[in-house]
Amino acid sequence: MGKKKKSAKDDQMTLAEAYVGFQIQLKEKEVEEFESEVKTLEEKNQRYNQRQEHLKEEQLGHIQTLLKQAKDQERELEHKEVVSKEQVEQALQDHWELEKTKEREIEGNKQPAKHTLYCP
């Protein structure tokens, strides 16, 4: 009988060892999955960092272009003639009078044409 008890005890140890071994396998598999996930995330992070660098370079290029355009516009404005409000109003008045004169001439030209058509 003593031998049976030792055998049963060995079986229990074997069962406990099997259970612990199974848990170790599960944990190892979880560790592998986490390592795989970490690797995937690191690759994504690297791609995102490269993309961010590219976008920064592109942004700097656009900023430099805008600065150049702003400087060019400032130079153009420096060379343009400054016009006062009175000069603009006078130019509009002259233009308006010119248009009125043209309209009168057109009306004047229409009336003699009507008379010539009706005269026998």
PDB file of N, CA and C in Angstrom:
ATOM      1  N   MET A   1       0.804  -1.185   0.000  1.00  0.00           N
ATOM      2  CA  MET A   1       0.000   0.000   0.000  1.00  0.00           C
ATOM      3  C   MET A   1       0.852   1.256   0.000  1.00  0.00           C
ATOM      4  N   GLY A   2       1.951   1.254   0.597  1.00  0.00           N
ATOM      5  CA  GLY A   2       2.805   2.420   0.641  1.00  0.00           C
ATOM      6  C   GLY A   2       3.260   2.821  -0.740  1.00  0.00           C
ATOM      7  N   LYS A   3       3.456   1.823  -1.553  1.00  0.00           N
ATOM      8  CA  LYS A   3       3.895   2.120  -2.897  1.00  0.00           C
ATOM      9  C   LYS A   3       2.785   2.795  -3.691  1.00  0.00           C
ATOM     10  N   LYS A   4       1.586   2.419  -3.471  1.00  0.00           N
ATOM     11  CA  LYS A   4       0.469   3.034  -4.173  1.00  0.00           C
ATOM     12  C   LYS A   4       0.329   4.488  -3.783  1.00  0.00           C
ATOM     13  N   LYS A   5       0.549   4.785  -2.537  1.00  0.00           N
ATOM     14  CA  LYS A   5       0.449   6.169  -2.094  1.00  0.00           C
ATOM     15  C   LYS A   5       1.539   7.000  -2.739  1.00  0.00           C
ATOM     16  N   LYS A   6       2.728   6.476  -2.843  1.00  0.00           N
ATOM     17  CA  LYS A   6       3.797   7.210  -3.496  1.00  0.00           C
ATOM     18  C   LYS A   6       3.485   7.386  -4.974  1.00  0.00           C
ATOM     19  N   SER A   7       2.910   6.389  -5.568  1.00  0.00           N
ATOM     20  CA  SER A   7       2.555   6.446  -6.971  1.00  0.00           C
ATOM     21  C   SER A   7       1.462   7.482  -7.195  1.00  0.00           C
ATOM     22  N   ALA A   8       0.489   7.522  -6.342  1.00  0.00           N
ATOM     23  CA  ALA A   8      -0.567   8.519  -6.440  1.00  0.00           C
ATOM     24  C   ALA A   8       0.022   9.910  -6.222  1.00  0.00           C
ATOM     25  N   LYS A   9       0.955  10.013  -5.298  1.00  0.00           N
ATOM     26  CA  LYS A   9       1.606  11.296  -5.036  1.00  0.00           C
ATOM     27  C   LYS A   9       2.424  11.728  -6.243  1.00  0.00           C
ATOM     28  N   ASP A  10       3.103  10.787  -6.900  1.00  0.00           N
ATOM     29  CA  ASP A  10       3.859  11.090  -8.103  1.00  0.00           C
ATOM     30  C   ASP A  10       2.925  11.539  -9.224  1.00  0.00           C
ATOM     31  N   ASP A  11       1.772  10.887  -9.307  1.00  0.00           N
ATOM     32  CA  ASP A  11       0.780  11.270 -10.309  1.00  0.00           C
ATOM     33  C   ASP A  11       0.287  12.692 -10.055  1.00  0.00           C
ATOM     34  N   GLN A  12       0.084  13.005  -8.781  1.00  0.00           N
ATOM     35  CA  GLN A  12      -0.357  14.366  -8.446  1.00  0.00           C
ATOM     36  C   GLN A  12       0.735  15.369  -8.793  1.00  0.00           C
ATOM     37  N   MET A  13       1.933  15.065  -8.539  1.00  0.00           N
ATOM     38  CA  MET A  13       3.042  15.953  -8.878  1.00  0.00           C
ATOM     39  C   MET A  13       3.122  16.097 -10.401  1.00  0.00           C
ATOM     40  N   THR A  14       2.933  15.012 -11.078  1.00  0.00           N
ATOM     41  CA  THR A  14       2.982  15.044 -12.525  1.00  0.00           C
ATOM     42  C   THR A  14       1.834  15.899 -13.064  1.00  0.00           C
ATOM     43  N   LEU A  15       0.680  15.766 -12.473  1.00  0.00           N
ATOM     44  CA  LEU A  15      -0.460  16.578 -12.885  1.00  0.00           C
ATOM     45  C   LEU A  15      -0.189  18.045 -12.592  1.00  0.00           C
ATOM     46  N   ALA A  16       0.362  18.337 -11.426  1.00  0.00           N
ATOM     47  CA  ALA A  16       0.693  19.717 -11.071  1.00  0.00           C
ATOM     48  C   ALA A  16       1.774  20.255 -11.998  1.00  0.00           C
ATOM     49  N   GLU A  17       2.765  19.445 -12.284  1.00  0.00           N
ATOM     50  CA  GLU A  17       3.830  19.860 -13.197  1.00  0.00           C
ATOM     51  C   GLU A  17       3.263  20.105 -14.594  1.00  0.00           C
ATOM     52  N   ALA A  18       2.351  19.251 -15.032  1.00  0.00           N
ATOM     53  CA  ALA A  18       1.721  19.413 -16.352  1.00  0.00           C
ATOM     54  C   ALA A  18       0.929  20.708 -16.396  1.00  0.00           C
ATOM     55  N   TYR A  19       0.227  21.014 -15.325  1.00  0.00           N
ATOM     56  CA  TYR A  19      -0.560  22.253 -15.263  1.00  0.00           C
ATOM     57  C   TYR A  19       0.348  23.477 -15.312  1.00  0.00           C
ATOM     58  N   VAL A  20       1.438  23.423 -14.531  1.00  0.00           N
ATOM     59  CA  VAL A  20       2.408  24.526 -14.529  1.00  0.00           C
ATOM     60  C   VAL A  20       3.057  24.651 -15.907  1.00  0.00           C
ATOM     61  N   GLY A  21       3.386  23.518 -16.515  1.00  0.00           N
ATOM     62  CA  GLY A  21       3.971  23.541 -17.861  1.00  0.00           C
ATOM     63  C   GLY A  21       3.017  24.156 -18.870  1.00  0.00           C
ATOM     64  N   PHE A  22       1.743  23.819 -18.748  1.00  0.00           N
ATOM     65  CA  PHE A  22       0.733  24.394 -19.647  1.00  0.00           C
ATOM     66  C   PHE A  22       0.641  25.907 -19.459  1.00  0.00           C
ATOM     67  N   GLN A  23       0.649  26.355 -18.202  1.00  0.00           N
ATOM     68  CA  GLN A  23       0.607  27.796 -17.929  1.00  0.00           C
ATOM     69  C   GLN A  23       1.838  28.491 -18.500  1.00  0.00           C
ATOM     70  N   ILE A  24       2.993  27.829 -18.367  1.00  0.00           N
ATOM     71  CA  ILE A  24       4.227  28.406 -18.925  1.00  0.00           C
ATOM     72  C   ILE A  24       4.105  28.537 -20.437  1.00  0.00           C
ATOM     73  N   GLN A  25       3.543  27.524 -21.098  1.00  0.00           N
ATOM     74  CA  GLN A  25       3.353  27.594 -22.550  1.00  0.00           C
ATOM     75  C   GLN A  25       2.416  28.744 -22.924  1.00  0.00           C
ATOM     76  N   LEU A  26       1.350  28.920 -22.166  1.00  0.00           N
ATOM     77  CA  LEU A  26       0.430  30.024 -22.439  1.00  0.00           C
ATOM     78  C   LEU A  26       1.134  31.366 -22.299  1.00  0.00           C
ATOM     79  N   LYS A  27       1.909  31.505 -21.227  1.00  0.00           N
ATOM     80  CA  LYS A  27       2.614  32.772 -21.000  1.00  0.00           C
ATOM     81  C   LYS A  27       3.649  33.012 -22.096  1.00  0.00           C
ATOM     82  N   GLU A  28       4.339  31.965 -22.523  1.00  0.00           N
ATOM     83  CA  GLU A  28       5.320  32.102 -23.599  1.00  0.00           C
ATOM     84  C   GLU A  28       4.636  32.536 -24.893  1.00  0.00           C
ATOM     85  N   LYS A  29       3.473  31.971 -25.147  1.00  0.00           N
ATOM     86  CA  LYS A  29       2.732  32.354 -26.351  1.00  0.00           C
ATOM     87  C   LYS A  29       2.282  33.815 -26.251  1.00  0.00           C
ATOM     88  N   GLU A  30       1.822  34.225 -25.078  1.00  0.00           N
ATOM     89  CA  GLU A  30       1.438  35.625 -24.887  1.00  0.00           C
ATOM     90  C   GLU A  30       2.632  36.542 -25.094  1.00  0.00           C
ATOM     91  N   VAL A  31       3.781  36.138 -24.562  1.00  0.00           N
ATOM     92  CA  VAL A  31       4.997  36.948 -24.729  1.00  0.00           C
ATOM     93  C   VAL A  31       5.339  37.066 -26.211  1.00  0.00           C
ATOM     94  N   GLU A  32       5.250  35.975 -26.963  1.00  0.00           N
ATOM     95  CA  GLU A  32       5.528  36.012 -28.401  1.00  0.00           C
ATOM     96  C   GLU A  32       4.559  36.947 -29.117  1.00  0.00           C
ATOM     97  N   GLU A  33       3.281  36.870 -28.749  1.00  0.00           N
ATOM     98  CA  GLU A  33       2.284  37.751 -29.371  1.00  0.00           C
ATOM     99  C   GLU A  33       2.581  39.215 -29.051  1.00  0.00           C
ATOM    100  N   PHE A  34       2.947  39.502 -27.798  1.00  0.00           N
ATOM    101  CA  PHE A  34       3.272  40.884 -27.423  1.00  0.00           C
ATOM    102  C   PHE A  34       4.525  41.360 -28.145  1.00  0.00           C
ATOM    103  N   GLU A  35       5.521  40.481 -28.273  1.00  0.00           N
ATOM    104  CA  GLU A  35       6.738  40.854 -29.001  1.00  0.00           C
ATOM    105  C   GLU A  35       6.411  41.155 -30.458  1.00  0.00           C
ATOM    106  N   SER A  36       5.530  40.342 -31.041  1.00  0.00           N
ATOM    107  CA  SER A  36       5.114  40.576 -32.424  1.00  0.00           C
ATOM    108  C   SER A  36       4.376  41.908 -32.539  1.00  0.00           C
ATOM    109  N   GLU A  37       3.512  42.174 -31.582  1.00  0.00           N
ATOM    110  CA  GLU A  37       2.764  43.437 -31.591  1.00  0.00           C
ATOM    111  C   GLU A  37       3.702  44.628 -31.410  1.00  0.00           C
ATOM    112  N   VAL A  38       4.689  44.482 -30.526  1.00  0.00           N
ATOM    113  CA  VAL A  38       5.666  45.556 -30.315  1.00  0.00           C
ATOM    114  C   VAL A  38       6.441  45.805 -31.595  1.00  0.00           C
ATOM    115  N   LYS A  39       6.853  44.738 -32.267  1.00  0.00           N
ATOM    116  CA  LYS A  39       7.592  44.885 -33.531  1.00  0.00           C
ATOM    117  C   LYS A  39       6.742  45.620 -34.563  1.00  0.00           C
ATOM    118  N   THR A  40       5.471  45.228 -34.675  1.00  0.00           N
ATOM    119  CA  THR A  40       4.558  45.878 -35.619  1.00  0.00           C
ATOM    120  C   THR A  40       4.402  47.363 -35.273  1.00  0.00           C
ATOM    121  N   LEU A  41       4.236  47.666 -34.004  1.00  0.00           N
ATOM    122  CA  LEU A  41       4.072  49.065 -33.585  1.00  0.00           C
ATOM    123  C   LEU A  41       5.342  49.871 -33.824  1.00  0.00           C
ATOM    124  N   GLU A  42       6.495  49.252 -33.607  1.00  0.00           N
ATOM    125  CA  GLU A  42       7.752  49.959 -33.869  1.00  0.00           C
ATOM    126  C   GLU A  42       7.904  50.263 -35.352  1.00  0.00           C
ATOM    127  N   GLU A  43       7.504  49.318 -36.212  1.00  0.00           N
ATOM    128  CA  GLU A  43       7.562  49.559 -37.658  1.00  0.00           C
ATOM    129  C   GLU A  43       6.623  50.687 -38.057  1.00  0.00           C
ATOM    130  N   LYS A  44       5.412  50.665 -37.500  1.00  0.00           N
ATOM    131  CA  LYS A  44       4.466  51.748 -37.779  1.00  0.00           C
ATOM    132  C   LYS A  44       5.031  53.077 -37.307  1.00  0.00           C
ATOM    133  N   ASN A  45       5.613  53.079 -36.117  1.00  0.00           N
ATOM    134  CA  ASN A  45       6.186  54.300 -35.564  1.00  0.00           C
ATOM    135  C   ASN A  45       7.292  54.831 -36.473  1.00  0.00           C
ATOM    136  N   GLN A  46       8.120  53.934 -36.977  1.00  0.00           N
ATOM    137  CA  GLN A  46       9.193  54.345 -37.874  1.00  0.00           C
ATOM    138  C   GLN A  46       8.620  54.952 -39.161  1.00  0.00           C
ATOM    139  N   ARG A  47       7.588  54.305 -39.721  1.00  0.00           N
ATOM    140  CA  ARG A  47       6.958  54.850 -40.938  1.00  0.00           C
ATOM    141  C   ARG A  47       6.360  56.224 -40.669  1.00  0.00           C
ATOM    142  N   TYR A  48       5.675  56.364 -39.521  1.00  0.00           N
ATOM    143  CA  TYR A  48       5.072  57.648 -39.179  1.00  0.00           C
ATOM    144  C   TYR A  48       6.129  58.720 -38.964  1.00  0.00           C
ATOM    145  N   ASN A  49       7.240  58.358 -38.349  1.00  0.00           N
ATOM    146  CA  ASN A  49       8.319  59.329 -38.150  1.00  0.00           C
ATOM    147  C   ASN A  49       8.908  59.764 -39.484  1.00  0.00           C
ATOM    148  N   GLN A  50       9.075  58.808 -40.413  1.00  0.00           N
ATOM    149  CA  GLN A  50       9.576  59.164 -41.747  1.00  0.00           C
ATOM    150  C   GLN A  50       8.590  60.080 -42.460  1.00  0.00           C
ATOM    151  N   ARG A  51       7.311  59.752 -42.344  1.00  0.00           N
ATOM    152  CA  ARG A  51       6.289  60.595 -42.979  1.00  0.00           C
ATOM    153  C   ARG A  51       6.284  61.991 -42.379  1.00  0.00           C
ATOM    154  N   GLN A  52       6.439  62.063 -41.067  1.00  0.00           N
ATOM    155  CA  GLN A  52       6.456  63.358 -40.399  1.00  0.00           C
ATOM    156  C   GLN A  52       7.665  64.176 -40.855  1.00  0.00           C
ATOM    157  N   GLU A  53       8.823  63.543 -40.999  1.00  0.00           N
ATOM    158  CA  GLU A  53      10.014  64.239 -41.494  1.00  0.00           C
ATOM    159  C   GLU A  53       9.772  64.771 -42.901  1.00  0.00           C
ATOM    160  N   HIS A  54       9.181  63.927 -43.733  1.00  0.00           N
ATOM    161  CA  HIS A  54       8.884  64.342 -45.113  1.00  0.00           C
ATOM    162  C   HIS A  54       7.940  65.536 -45.117  1.00  0.00           C
ATOM    163  N   LEU A  55       6.908  65.491 -44.274  1.00  0.00           N
ATOM    164  CA  LEU A  55       5.941  66.588 -44.222  1.00  0.00           C
ATOM    165  C   LEU A  55       6.586  67.866 -43.701  1.00  0.00           C
ATOM    166  N   LYS A  56       7.492  67.745 -42.739  1.00  0.00           N
ATOM    167  CA  LYS A  56       8.192  68.931 -42.231  1.00  0.00           C
ATOM    168  C   LYS A  56       9.030  69.571 -43.336  1.00  0.00           C
ATOM    169  N   GLU A  57       9.736  68.720 -44.101  1.00  0.00           N
ATOM    170  CA  GLU A  57      10.538  69.250 -45.205  1.00  0.00           C
ATOM    171  C   GLU A  57       9.646  69.942 -46.234  1.00  0.00           C
ATOM    172  N   GLU A  58       8.533  69.311 -46.542  1.00  0.00           N
ATOM    173  CA  GLU A  58       7.594  69.895 -47.503  1.00  0.00           C
ATOM    174  C   GLU A  58       7.047  71.222 -46.979  1.00  0.00           C
ATOM    175  N   GLN A  59       6.722  71.257 -45.693  1.00  0.00           N
ATOM    176  CA  GLN A  59       6.197  72.477 -45.082  1.00  0.00           C
ATOM    177  C   GLN A  59       7.234  73.594 -45.137  1.00  0.00           C
ATOM    178  N   LEU A  60       8.485  73.269 -44.842  1.00  0.00           N
ATOM    179  CA  LEU A  60       9.541  74.280 -44.914  1.00  0.00           C
ATOM    180  C   LEU A  60       9.683  74.820 -46.334  1.00  0.00           C
ATOM    181  N   GLY A  61       9.569  73.933 -47.314  1.00  0.00           N
ATOM    182  CA  GLY A  61       9.629  74.371 -48.708  1.00  0.00           C
ATOM    183  C   GLY A  61       8.499  75.341 -49.031  1.00  0.00           C
ATOM    184  N   HIS A  62       7.297  75.030 -48.557  1.00  0.00           N
ATOM    185  CA  HIS A  62       6.155  75.919 -48.802  1.00  0.00           C
ATOM    186  C   HIS A  62       6.342  77.258 -48.083  1.00  0.00           C
ATOM    187  N   ILE A  63       6.858  77.212 -46.886  1.00  0.00           N
ATOM    188  CA  ILE A  63       7.084  78.460 -46.137  1.00  0.00           C
ATOM    189  C   ILE A  63       8.102  79.325 -46.857  1.00  0.00           C
ATOM    190  N   GLN A  64       9.169  78.712 -47.348  1.00  0.00           N
ATOM    191  CA  GLN A  64      10.178  79.472 -48.078  1.00  0.00           C
ATOM    192  C   GLN A  64       9.580  80.085 -49.344  1.00  0.00           C
ATOM    193  N   THR A  65       8.741  79.330 -50.037  1.00  0.00           N
ATOM    194  CA  THR A  65       8.089  79.851 -51.241  1.00  0.00           C
ATOM    195  C   THR A  65       7.190  81.038 -50.899  1.00  0.00           C
ATOM    196  N   LEU A  66       6.419  80.904 -49.818  1.00  0.00           N
ATOM    197  CA  LEU A  66       5.532  82.002 -49.408  1.00  0.00           C
ATOM    198  C   LEU A  66       6.330  83.236 -49.005  1.00  0.00           C
ATOM    199  N   LEU A  67       7.418  83.042 -48.299  1.00  0.00           N
ATOM    200  CA  LEU A  67       8.256  84.186 -47.911  1.00  0.00           C
ATOM    201  C   LEU A  67       8.820  84.894 -49.146  1.00  0.00           C
ATOM    202  N   LYS A  68       9.250  84.102 -50.115  1.00  0.00           N
ATOM    203  CA  LYS A  68       9.790  84.688 -51.350  1.00  0.00           C
ATOM    204  C   LYS A  68       8.698  85.485 -52.069  1.00  0.00           C
ATOM    205  N   GLN A  69       7.494  84.901 -52.146  1.00  0.00           N
ATOM    206  CA  GLN A  69       6.394  85.613 -52.802  1.00  0.00           C
ATOM    207  C   GLN A  69       6.051  86.898 -52.054  1.00  0.00           C
ATOM    208  N   ALA A  70       6.069  86.861 -50.737  1.00  0.00           N
ATOM    209  CA  ALA A  70       5.760  88.056 -49.948  1.00  0.00           C
ATOM    210  C   ALA A  70       6.805  89.136 -50.199  1.00  0.00           C
ATOM    211  N   LYS A  71       8.073  88.752 -50.251  1.00  0.00           N
ATOM    212  CA  LYS A  71       9.132  89.732 -50.527  1.00  0.00           C
ATOM    213  C   LYS A  71       8.976  90.329 -51.919  1.00  0.00           C
ATOM    214  N   ASP A  72       8.637  89.481 -52.893  1.00  0.00           N
ATOM    215  CA  ASP A  72       8.422  89.975 -54.258  1.00  0.00           C
ATOM    216  C   ASP A  72       7.262  90.970 -54.296  1.00  0.00           C
ATOM    217  N   GLN A  73       6.184  90.664 -53.586  1.00  0.00           N
ATOM    218  CA  GLN A  73       5.036  91.582 -53.554  1.00  0.00           C
ATOM    219  C   GLN A  73       5.405  92.894 -52.881  1.00  0.00           C
ATOM    220  N   GLU A  74       6.202  92.830 -51.830  1.00  0.00           N
ATOM    221  CA  GLU A  74       6.632  94.058 -51.167  1.00  0.00           C
ATOM    222  C   GLU A  74       7.459  94.916 -52.116  1.00  0.00           C
ATOM    223  N   ARG A  75       8.359  94.273 -52.874  1.00  0.00           N
ATOM    224  CA  ARG A  75       9.170  95.032 -53.846  1.00  0.00           C
ATOM    225  C   ARG A  75       8.280  95.677 -54.903  1.00  0.00           C
ATOM    226  N   GLU A  76       7.277  94.947 -55.379  1.00  0.00           N
ATOM    227  CA  GLU A  76       6.363  95.492 -56.381  1.00  0.00           C
ATOM    228  C   GLU A  76       5.594  96.682 -55.815  1.00  0.00           C
ATOM    229  N   LEU A  77       5.156  96.567 -54.584  1.00  0.00           N
ATOM    230  CA  LEU A  77       4.409  97.664 -53.962  1.00  0.00           C
ATOM    231  C   LEU A  77       5.288  98.894 -53.767  1.00  0.00           C
ATOM    232  N   GLU A  78       6.556  98.693 -53.479  1.00  0.00           N
ATOM    233  CA  GLU A  78       7.466  99.826 -53.323  1.00  0.00           C
ATOM    234  C   GLU A  78       7.626 100.590 -54.632  1.00  0.00           C
ATOM    235  N   HIS A  79       7.582  99.876 -55.749  1.00  0.00           N
ATOM    236  CA  HIS A  79       7.781 100.504 -57.049  1.00  0.00           C
ATOM    237  C   HIS A  79       6.500 101.101 -57.633  1.00  0.00           C
ATOM    238  N   LYS A  80       5.366 100.726 -57.094  1.00  0.00           N
ATOM    239  CA  LYS A  80       4.111 101.267 -57.615  1.00  0.00           C
ATOM    240  C   LYS A  80       3.921 102.707 -57.147  1.00  0.00           C
ATOM    241  N   GLU A  81       3.233 103.455 -57.994  1.00  0.00           N
ATOM    242  CA  GLU A  81       2.939 104.846 -57.685  1.00  0.00           C
ATOM    243  C   GLU A  81       1.819 104.915 -56.651  1.00  0.00           C
ATOM    244  N   VAL A  82       1.994 105.775 -55.691  1.00  0.00           N
ATOM    245  CA  VAL A  82       0.979 105.945 -54.661  1.00  0.00           C
ATOM    246  C   VAL A  82      -0.084 106.905 -55.194  1.00  0.00           C
ATOM    247  N   VAL A  83      -1.343 106.487 -55.114  1.00  0.00           N
ATOM    248  CA  VAL A  83      -2.446 107.272 -55.648  1.00  0.00           C
ATOM    249  C   VAL A  83      -3.317 107.713 -54.481  1.00  0.00           C
ATOM    250  N   SER A  84      -3.643 108.995 -54.484  1.00  0.00           N
ATOM    251  CA  SER A  84      -4.461 109.519 -53.391  1.00  0.00           C
ATOM    252  C   SER A  84      -5.949 109.306 -53.687  1.00  0.00           C
ATOM    253  N   LYS A  85      -6.746 109.510 -52.684  1.00  0.00           N
ATOM    254  CA  LYS A  85      -8.192 109.344 -52.818  1.00  0.00           C
ATOM    255  C   LYS A  85      -8.749 110.351 -53.830  1.00  0.00           C
ATOM    256  N   GLU A  86      -8.241 111.559 -53.803  1.00  0.00           N
ATOM    257  CA  GLU A  86      -8.723 112.593 -54.727  1.00  0.00           C
ATOM    258  C   GLU A  86      -8.424 112.225 -56.176  1.00  0.00           C
ATOM    259  N   GLN A  87      -7.234 111.634 -56.399  1.00  0.00           N
ATOM    260  CA  GLN A  87      -6.889 111.230 -57.762  1.00  0.00           C
ATOM    261  C   GLN A  87      -7.819 110.130 -58.256  1.00  0.00           C
ATOM    262  N   VAL A  88      -8.160 109.202 -57.385  1.00  0.00           N
ATOM    263  CA  VAL A  88      -9.066 108.118 -57.765  1.00  0.00           C
ATOM    264  C   VAL A  88     -10.451 108.682 -58.062  1.00  0.00           C
ATOM    265  N   GLU A  89     -10.936 109.588 -57.209  1.00  0.00           N
ATOM    266  CA  GLU A  89     -12.249 110.187 -57.435  1.00  0.00           C
ATOM    267  C   GLU A  89     -12.271 110.971 -58.734  1.00  0.00           C
ATOM    268  N   GLN A  90     -11.200 111.699 -59.025  1.00  0.00           N
ATOM    269  CA  GLN A  90     -11.131 112.479 -60.265  1.00  0.00           C
ATOM    270  C   GLN A  90     -11.131 111.548 -61.477  1.00  0.00           C
ATOM    271  N   ALA A  91     -10.396 110.437 -61.402  1.00  0.00           N
ATOM    272  CA  ALA A  91     -10.351 109.489 -62.508  1.00  0.00           C
ATOM    273  C   ALA A  91     -11.730 108.874 -62.740  1.00  0.00           C
ATOM    274  N   LEU A  92     -12.436 108.550 -61.660  1.00  0.00           N
ATOM    275  CA  LEU A  92     -13.794 108.012 -61.800  1.00  0.00           C
ATOM    276  C   LEU A  92     -14.734 109.047 -62.404  1.00  0.00           C
ATOM    277  N   GLN A  93     -14.619 110.278 -61.970  1.00  0.00           N
ATOM    278  CA  GLN A  93     -15.451 111.356 -62.510  1.00  0.00           C
ATOM    279  C   GLN A  93     -15.191 111.534 -64.002  1.00  0.00           C
ATOM    280  N   ASP A  94     -13.912 111.543 -64.399  1.00  0.00           N
ATOM    281  CA  ASP A  94     -13.565 111.681 -65.817  1.00  0.00           C
ATOM    282  C   ASP A  94     -14.129 110.513 -66.630  1.00  0.00           C
ATOM    283  N   HIS A  95     -14.004 109.332 -66.091  1.00  0.00           N
ATOM    284  CA  HIS A  95     -14.522 108.151 -66.790  1.00  0.00           C
ATOM    285  C   HIS A  95     -16.042 108.242 -66.933  1.00  0.00           C
ATOM    286  N   TRP A  96     -16.704 108.651 -65.879  1.00  0.00           N
ATOM    287  CA  TRP A  96     -18.160 108.778 -65.901  1.00  0.00           C
ATOM    288  C   TRP A  96     -18.597 109.802 -66.953  1.00  0.00           C
ATOM    289  N   GLU A  97     -17.924 110.944 -67.006  1.00  0.00           N
ATOM    290  CA  GLU A  97     -18.247 111.980 -67.998  1.00  0.00           C
ATOM    291  C   GLU A  97     -17.990 111.477 -69.412  1.00  0.00           C
ATOM    292  N   LEU A  98     -16.927 110.715 -69.609  1.00  0.00           N
ATOM    293  CA  LEU A  98     -16.621 110.160 -70.920  1.00  0.00           C
ATOM    294  C   LEU A  98     -17.724 109.205 -71.368  1.00  0.00           C
ATOM    295  N   GLU A  99     -18.214 108.387 -70.460  1.00  0.00           N
ATOM    296  CA  GLU A  99     -19.303 107.465 -70.782  1.00  0.00           C
ATOM    297  C   GLU A  99     -20.573 108.224 -71.142  1.00  0.00           C
ATOM    298  N   LYS A 100     -20.881 109.282 -70.404  1.00  0.00           N
ATOM    299  CA  LYS A 100     -22.063 110.090 -70.718  1.00  0.00           C
ATOM    300  C   LYS A 100     -21.941 110.712 -72.106  1.00  0.00           C
ATOM    301  N   THR A 101     -20.749 111.197 -72.413  1.00  0.00           N
ATOM    302  CA  THR A 101     -20.522 111.811 -73.724  1.00  0.00           C
ATOM    303  C   THR A 101     -20.728 110.784 -74.828  1.00  0.00           C
ATOM    304  N   LYS A 102     -20.233 109.588 -74.638  1.00  0.00           N
ATOM    305  CA  LYS A 102     -20.408 108.527 -75.634  1.00  0.00           C
ATOM    306  C   LYS A 102     -21.881 108.192 -75.825  1.00  0.00           C
ATOM    307  N   GLU A 103     -22.614 108.109 -74.718  1.00  0.00           N
ATOM    308  CA  GLU A 103     -24.039 107.802 -74.812  1.00  0.00           C
ATOM    309  C   GLU A 103     -24.775 108.900 -75.592  1.00  0.00           C
ATOM    310  N   ARG A 104     -24.430 110.169 -75.346  1.00  0.00           N
ATOM    311  CA  ARG A 104     -25.072 111.275 -76.072  1.00  0.00           C
ATOM    312  C   ARG A 104     -24.769 111.189 -77.566  1.00  0.00           C
ATOM    313  N   GLU A 105     -23.523 110.874 -77.896  1.00  0.00           N
ATOM    314  CA  GLU A 105     -23.157 110.752 -79.305  1.00  0.00           C
ATOM    315  C   GLU A 105     -23.921 109.613 -79.973  1.00  0.00           C
ATOM    316  N   ILE A 106     -24.076 108.525 -79.252  1.00  0.00           N
ATOM    317  CA  ILE A 106     -24.811 107.392 -79.818  1.00  0.00           C
ATOM    318  C   ILE A 106     -26.270 107.781 -80.031  1.00  0.00           C
ATOM    319  N   GLU A 107     -26.870 108.445 -79.053  1.00  0.00           N
ATOM    320  CA  GLU A 107     -28.251 108.898 -79.192  1.00  0.00           C
ATOM    321  C   GLU A 107     -28.370 109.892 -80.349  1.00  0.00           C
ATOM    322  N   GLY A 108     -27.377 110.760 -80.461  1.00  0.00           N
ATOM    323  CA  GLY A 108     -27.388 111.745 -81.548  1.00  0.00           C
ATOM    324  C   GLY A 108     -27.270 111.067 -82.900  1.00  0.00           C
ATOM    325  N   ASN A 109     -26.533 110.019 -83.008  1.00  0.00           N
ATOM    326  CA  ASN A 109     -26.364 109.299 -84.267  1.00  0.00           C
ATOM    327  C   ASN A 109     -27.613 108.495 -84.621  1.00  0.00           C
ATOM    328  N   LYS A 110     -28.367 108.062 -83.652  1.00  0.00           N
ATOM    329  CA  LYS A 110     -29.565 107.274 -83.903  1.00  0.00           C
ATOM    330  C   LYS A 110     -30.672 108.131 -84.502  1.00  0.00           C
ATOM    331  N   GLN A 111     -30.821 109.348 -84.040  1.00  0.00           N
ATOM    332  CA  GLN A 111     -31.912 110.199 -84.510  1.00  0.00           C
ATOM    333  C   GLN A 111     -31.789 110.541 -85.987  1.00  0.00           C
ATOM    334  N   PRO A 112     -30.651 110.967 -86.527  1.00  0.00           N
ATOM    335  CA  PRO A 112     -30.580 111.235 -87.960  1.00  0.00           C
ATOM    336  C   PRO A 112     -30.789 109.978 -88.789  1.00  0.00           C
ATOM    337  N   ALA A 113     -30.395 108.849 -88.260  1.00  0.00           N
ATOM    338  CA  ALA A 113     -30.583 107.606 -89.010  1.00  0.00           C
ATOM    339  C   ALA A 113     -32.070 107.318 -89.123  1.00  0.00           C
ATOM    340  N   LYS A 114     -32.866 107.628 -88.137  1.00  0.00           N
ATOM    341  CA  LYS A 114     -34.308 107.394 -88.188  1.00  0.00           C
ATOM    342  C   LYS A 114     -34.943 108.298 -89.220  1.00  0.00           C
ATOM    343  N   HIS A 115     -34.498 109.545 -89.290  1.00  0.00           N
ATOM    344  CA  HIS A 115     -35.054 110.498 -90.251  1.00  0.00           C
ATOM    345  C   HIS A 115     -34.731 110.079 -91.683  1.00  0.00           C
ATOM    346  N   THR A 116     -33.591 109.585 -91.929  1.00  0.00           N
ATOM    347  CA  THR A 116     -33.235 109.190 -93.296  1.00  0.00           C
ATOM    348  C   THR A 116     -34.011 107.976 -93.729  1.00  0.00           C
ATOM    349  N   LEU A 117     -34.375 107.112 -92.818  1.00  0.00           N
ATOM    350  CA  LEU A 117     -35.128 105.934 -93.192  1.00  0.00           C
ATOM    351  C   LEU A 117     -36.579 106.287 -93.548  1.00  0.00           C
ATOM    352  N   TYR A 118     -37.148 107.270 -92.871  1.00  0.00           N
ATOM    353  CA  TYR A 118     -38.529 107.628 -93.105  1.00  0.00           C
ATOM    354  C   TYR A 118     -38.715 108.645 -94.248  1.00  0.00           C
ATOM    355  N   CYS A 119     -37.708 109.297 -94.654  1.00  0.00           N
ATOM    356  CA  CYS A 119     -37.833 110.286 -95.717  1.00  0.00           C
ATOM    357  C   CYS A 119     -37.913 109.584 -97.065  1.00  0.00           C
ATOM    358  N   PRO A 120     -38.913 109.968 -97.904  1.00  0.00           N
ATOM    359  CA  PRO A 120     -39.058 109.321 -99.209  1.00  0.00           C
ATOM    360  C   PRO A 120     -38.155 109.884-100.259  1.00  0.00           C
TER     361      PRO A 120
END
